[in-house]
């Protein structure tokens, strides 16, 4: 049980460049200086938003690829799909 409590604590550390940082229990780190930490949190939030938007675009693309043919049969293969440039399945043509 002592190991669990030790992991849940924030650890204060200093980088090789002399910056004071906090090592967080979830494996992330942030600056101990409030202004630098706020800037870092903003950058982290912007990156998370960008990743979420990319994930949502991928989901929309995947949903749109299903049943795109005649009467909803078949599918549309977009660039980047693993089947996009696979070539012929005929072994004589490979």
N, C-alpha and C. Protein backbone atom coordinates (compact mmCIF):
# COMPACT_ATOMS: atom_id res chain seq x y z
N UNK A 1 0.82 -1.19 0.00
CA UNK A 1 0.00 0.00 0.00
C UNK A 1 0.86 1.25 0.00
N UNK A 2 2.05 1.16 0.56
CA UNK A 2 2.92 2.33 0.60
C UNK A 2 3.38 2.71 -0.80
N UNK A 3 3.55 1.74 -1.69
CA UNK A 3 3.96 2.02 -3.06
C UNK A 3 2.90 2.79 -3.82
N UNK A 4 1.64 2.51 -3.55
CA UNK A 4 0.54 3.22 -4.21
C UNK A 4 0.52 4.68 -3.77
N UNK A 5 0.70 4.94 -2.50
CA UNK A 5 0.71 6.31 -2.00
C UNK A 5 1.91 7.09 -2.51
N UNK A 6 3.04 6.42 -2.66
CA UNK A 6 4.23 7.10 -3.16
C UNK A 6 4.03 7.52 -4.61
N UNK A 7 3.32 6.71 -5.41
CA UNK A 7 3.06 7.05 -6.80
C UNK A 7 2.08 8.19 -6.93
N UNK A 8 1.17 8.37 -6.00
CA UNK A 8 0.12 9.37 -6.10
C UNK A 8 0.63 10.77 -5.76
N UNK A 9 1.85 10.90 -5.33
CA UNK A 9 2.39 12.19 -4.95
C UNK A 9 3.05 12.88 -6.12
N UNK A 10 3.02 14.20 -6.10
CA UNK A 10 3.73 15.00 -7.09
C UNK A 10 5.17 15.15 -6.62
N UNK A 11 6.11 14.91 -7.53
CA UNK A 11 7.53 14.97 -7.20
C UNK A 11 8.13 16.25 -7.78
N UNK A 12 8.81 17.01 -6.95
CA UNK A 12 9.51 18.21 -7.41
C UNK A 12 10.88 17.78 -7.91
N UNK A 13 11.29 18.29 -9.08
CA UNK A 13 12.59 17.93 -9.64
C UNK A 13 13.20 19.13 -10.36
N UNK A 14 14.44 19.00 -10.74
CA UNK A 14 15.14 20.03 -11.49
C UNK A 14 15.74 19.41 -12.74
N UNK A 15 15.55 20.06 -13.89
CA UNK A 15 16.09 19.54 -15.14
C UNK A 15 17.58 19.81 -15.23
N UNK A 16 18.23 19.27 -16.25
CA UNK A 16 19.66 19.50 -16.47
C UNK A 16 19.94 20.97 -16.75
N UNK A 17 18.93 21.68 -17.30
CA UNK A 17 19.09 23.10 -17.59
C UNK A 17 18.81 23.98 -16.37
N UNK A 18 18.40 23.37 -15.27
CA UNK A 18 18.16 24.12 -14.04
C UNK A 18 16.72 24.56 -13.83
N UNK A 19 15.79 24.13 -14.70
CA UNK A 19 14.37 24.48 -14.56
C UNK A 19 13.73 23.61 -13.48
N UNK A 20 12.92 24.22 -12.63
CA UNK A 20 12.16 23.46 -11.64
C UNK A 20 10.91 22.90 -12.31
N UNK A 21 10.66 21.61 -12.13
CA UNK A 21 9.49 20.95 -12.71
C UNK A 21 8.81 20.08 -11.67
N UNK A 22 7.57 19.71 -11.97
CA UNK A 22 6.79 18.77 -11.14
C UNK A 22 6.54 17.53 -11.97
N UNK A 23 6.83 16.37 -11.41
CA UNK A 23 6.52 15.10 -12.04
C UNK A 23 5.18 14.63 -11.50
N UNK A 24 4.19 14.54 -12.38
CA UNK A 24 2.82 14.23 -11.97
C UNK A 24 2.60 12.72 -11.89
N UNK A 25 1.64 12.28 -11.10
CA UNK A 25 1.40 10.84 -10.91
C UNK A 25 1.01 10.10 -12.19
N UNK A 26 0.44 10.81 -13.19
CA UNK A 26 0.01 10.14 -14.42
C UNK A 26 1.12 10.04 -15.46
N UNK A 27 2.37 10.40 -15.08
CA UNK A 27 3.50 10.26 -15.97
C UNK A 27 3.86 11.53 -16.73
N UNK A 28 3.04 12.55 -16.65
CA UNK A 28 3.34 13.82 -17.30
C UNK A 28 4.21 14.67 -16.39
N UNK A 29 4.71 15.79 -16.93
CA UNK A 29 5.46 16.74 -16.12
C UNK A 29 5.01 18.14 -16.49
N UNK A 30 5.22 19.08 -15.59
CA UNK A 30 4.93 20.48 -15.89
C UNK A 30 5.91 21.35 -15.13
N UNK A 31 6.07 22.58 -15.63
CA UNK A 31 6.96 23.53 -14.96
C UNK A 31 6.40 23.90 -13.59
N UNK A 32 7.27 24.14 -12.64
CA UNK A 32 6.86 24.58 -11.31
C UNK A 32 6.47 26.06 -11.34
N UNK A 33 7.08 26.84 -12.25
CA UNK A 33 6.75 28.25 -12.43
C UNK A 33 5.33 28.36 -12.98
N UNK A 34 4.47 29.13 -12.33
CA UNK A 34 3.06 29.23 -12.71
C UNK A 34 2.83 29.71 -14.13
N UNK A 35 3.57 30.72 -14.58
CA UNK A 35 3.37 31.26 -15.93
C UNK A 35 3.77 30.24 -17.00
N UNK A 36 4.91 29.57 -16.80
CA UNK A 36 5.35 28.56 -17.75
C UNK A 36 4.39 27.36 -17.74
N UNK A 37 3.90 27.01 -16.55
CA UNK A 37 2.98 25.88 -16.45
C UNK A 37 1.67 26.18 -17.17
N UNK A 38 1.17 27.42 -17.05
CA UNK A 38 -0.07 27.79 -17.73
C UNK A 38 0.11 27.73 -19.25
N UNK A 39 1.24 28.22 -19.74
CA UNK A 39 1.53 28.16 -21.17
C UNK A 39 1.61 26.70 -21.63
N UNK A 40 2.26 25.88 -20.84
CA UNK A 40 2.40 24.47 -21.17
C UNK A 40 1.03 23.78 -21.19
N UNK A 41 0.17 24.09 -20.22
CA UNK A 41 -1.18 23.50 -20.20
C UNK A 41 -1.98 23.93 -21.42
N UNK A 42 -1.83 25.20 -21.84
CA UNK A 42 -2.52 25.69 -23.03
C UNK A 42 -2.07 24.95 -24.28
N UNK A 43 -0.77 24.74 -24.40
CA UNK A 43 -0.24 23.99 -25.54
C UNK A 43 -0.76 22.55 -25.52
N UNK A 44 -0.81 21.95 -24.34
CA UNK A 44 -1.30 20.58 -24.22
C UNK A 44 -2.77 20.49 -24.60
N UNK A 45 -3.57 21.50 -24.18
CA UNK A 45 -4.99 21.52 -24.52
C UNK A 45 -5.19 21.70 -26.03
N UNK A 46 -4.38 22.57 -26.65
CA UNK A 46 -4.48 22.78 -28.10
C UNK A 46 -4.14 21.50 -28.86
N UNK A 47 -3.12 20.78 -28.41
CA UNK A 47 -2.74 19.52 -29.05
C UNK A 47 -3.84 18.47 -28.88
N UNK A 48 -4.44 18.41 -27.70
CA UNK A 48 -5.53 17.46 -27.47
C UNK A 48 -6.73 17.80 -28.36
N UNK A 49 -7.01 19.08 -28.53
CA UNK A 49 -8.12 19.49 -29.40
C UNK A 49 -7.83 19.11 -30.85
N UNK A 50 -6.59 19.33 -31.30
CA UNK A 50 -6.22 18.97 -32.67
C UNK A 50 -6.34 17.46 -32.89
N UNK A 51 -5.90 16.68 -31.92
CA UNK A 51 -6.00 15.23 -32.04
C UNK A 51 -7.46 14.77 -32.05
N UNK A 52 -8.30 15.42 -31.24
CA UNK A 52 -9.72 15.08 -31.21
C UNK A 52 -10.39 15.40 -32.54
N UNK A 53 -10.06 16.56 -33.12
CA UNK A 53 -10.62 16.93 -34.42
C UNK A 53 -10.19 15.94 -35.50
N UNK A 54 -8.94 15.51 -35.47
CA UNK A 54 -8.45 14.53 -36.44
C UNK A 54 -9.17 13.20 -36.25
N UNK A 55 -9.39 12.81 -35.00
CA UNK A 55 -10.10 11.56 -34.72
C UNK A 55 -11.55 11.63 -35.21
N UNK A 56 -12.21 12.78 -35.00
CA UNK A 56 -13.59 12.95 -35.46
C UNK A 56 -13.66 12.94 -36.99
N UNK A 57 -12.69 13.58 -37.66
CA UNK A 57 -12.65 13.57 -39.12
C UNK A 57 -12.46 12.15 -39.64
N UNK A 58 -11.62 11.37 -38.99
CA UNK A 58 -11.41 9.99 -39.39
C UNK A 58 -12.68 9.17 -39.21
N UNK A 59 -13.41 9.39 -38.12
CA UNK A 59 -14.66 8.67 -37.91
C UNK A 59 -15.70 9.03 -38.98
N UNK A 60 -15.78 10.33 -39.33
CA UNK A 60 -16.71 10.74 -40.38
C UNK A 60 -16.33 10.10 -41.70
N UNK A 61 -15.04 10.07 -41.99
CA UNK A 61 -14.57 9.46 -43.23
C UNK A 61 -14.89 7.97 -43.26
N UNK A 62 -14.67 7.29 -42.14
CA UNK A 62 -14.95 5.86 -42.08
C UNK A 62 -16.44 5.57 -42.25
N UNK A 63 -17.28 6.39 -41.61
CA UNK A 63 -18.72 6.19 -41.75
C UNK A 63 -19.17 6.44 -43.18
N UNK A 64 -18.55 7.44 -43.83
CA UNK A 64 -18.90 7.75 -45.21
C UNK A 64 -18.44 6.69 -46.19
N UNK A 65 -17.46 5.90 -45.81
CA UNK A 65 -16.93 4.87 -46.69
C UNK A 65 -17.80 3.62 -46.71
N UNK A 66 -18.73 3.53 -45.79
CA UNK A 66 -19.56 2.33 -45.72
C UNK A 66 -20.79 2.48 -46.60
N UNK A 67 -21.03 1.52 -47.45
CA UNK A 67 -22.24 1.48 -48.25
C UNK A 67 -22.39 2.64 -49.23
N UNK A 68 -21.33 3.00 -49.94
CA UNK A 68 -21.40 4.14 -50.83
C UNK A 68 -21.80 3.80 -52.25
N UNK A 69 -22.03 2.54 -52.56
CA UNK A 69 -22.30 2.13 -53.93
C UNK A 69 -23.79 2.12 -54.27
N UNK A 70 -24.15 1.40 -55.30
CA UNK A 70 -25.52 1.26 -55.78
C UNK A 70 -26.40 0.63 -54.70
N UNK A 71 -27.48 1.30 -54.34
CA UNK A 71 -28.43 0.83 -53.34
C UNK A 71 -27.77 0.57 -51.98
N UNK A 72 -26.68 1.25 -51.71
CA UNK A 72 -26.01 1.10 -50.43
C UNK A 72 -25.10 -0.11 -50.35
N UNK A 73 -24.86 -0.77 -51.49
CA UNK A 73 -23.99 -1.94 -51.51
C UNK A 73 -22.57 -1.51 -51.85
N UNK A 74 -21.61 -2.26 -51.39
CA UNK A 74 -20.22 -1.94 -51.66
C UNK A 74 -19.71 -0.87 -50.71
N UNK A 75 -18.54 -0.34 -50.99
CA UNK A 75 -18.01 0.72 -50.17
C UNK A 75 -17.07 1.58 -50.99
N UNK A 76 -16.84 2.76 -50.51
CA UNK A 76 -15.92 3.68 -51.15
C UNK A 76 -14.56 3.52 -50.49
N UNK A 77 -13.52 3.40 -51.30
CA UNK A 77 -12.17 3.27 -50.75
C UNK A 77 -11.47 4.61 -50.93
N UNK A 78 -11.09 5.24 -49.82
CA UNK A 78 -10.43 6.52 -49.84
C UNK A 78 -8.92 6.35 -49.78
N UNK A 79 -8.21 7.39 -50.22
CA UNK A 79 -6.76 7.39 -50.12
C UNK A 79 -6.38 7.29 -48.64
N UNK A 80 -5.42 6.46 -48.33
CA UNK A 80 -5.03 6.24 -46.95
C UNK A 80 -5.62 4.95 -46.39
N UNK A 81 -6.65 4.41 -47.05
CA UNK A 81 -7.23 3.14 -46.64
C UNK A 81 -6.23 2.04 -46.95
N UNK A 82 -6.19 1.00 -46.14
CA UNK A 82 -5.21 -0.07 -46.34
C UNK A 82 -5.44 -0.79 -47.66
N UNK A 83 -6.66 -0.72 -48.23
CA UNK A 83 -6.97 -1.36 -49.50
C UNK A 83 -6.78 -0.44 -50.70
N UNK A 84 -6.36 0.80 -50.48
CA UNK A 84 -6.30 1.80 -51.55
C UNK A 84 -5.30 1.43 -52.64
N UNK A 85 -4.09 1.11 -52.29
CA UNK A 85 -3.04 0.80 -53.28
C UNK A 85 -2.58 -0.64 -53.17
N UNK A 86 -3.46 -1.55 -52.91
CA UNK A 86 -3.01 -2.92 -52.70
C UNK A 86 -2.70 -3.64 -54.00
N UNK A 87 -3.15 -3.11 -55.13
CA UNK A 87 -2.87 -3.74 -56.42
C UNK A 87 -3.80 -4.92 -56.67
N UNK A 88 -3.45 -5.71 -57.64
CA UNK A 88 -4.27 -6.85 -58.01
C UNK A 88 -4.09 -7.98 -57.00
N UNK A 89 -5.15 -8.73 -56.81
CA UNK A 89 -5.06 -9.91 -55.94
C UNK A 89 -4.63 -11.14 -56.73
N UNK A 90 -4.52 -10.99 -58.05
CA UNK A 90 -4.09 -12.10 -58.90
C UNK A 90 -2.58 -12.28 -58.72
N UNK A 91 -2.13 -13.45 -58.27
CA UNK A 91 -0.70 -13.65 -58.03
C UNK A 91 0.14 -13.57 -59.31
N UNK A 92 -0.48 -13.80 -60.48
CA UNK A 92 0.27 -13.73 -61.73
C UNK A 92 0.63 -12.29 -62.10
N UNK A 93 -0.13 -11.33 -61.59
CA UNK A 93 0.09 -9.93 -61.92
C UNK A 93 0.92 -9.19 -60.88
N UNK A 94 1.33 -9.84 -59.85
CA UNK A 94 2.10 -9.17 -58.80
C UNK A 94 3.54 -9.12 -59.11
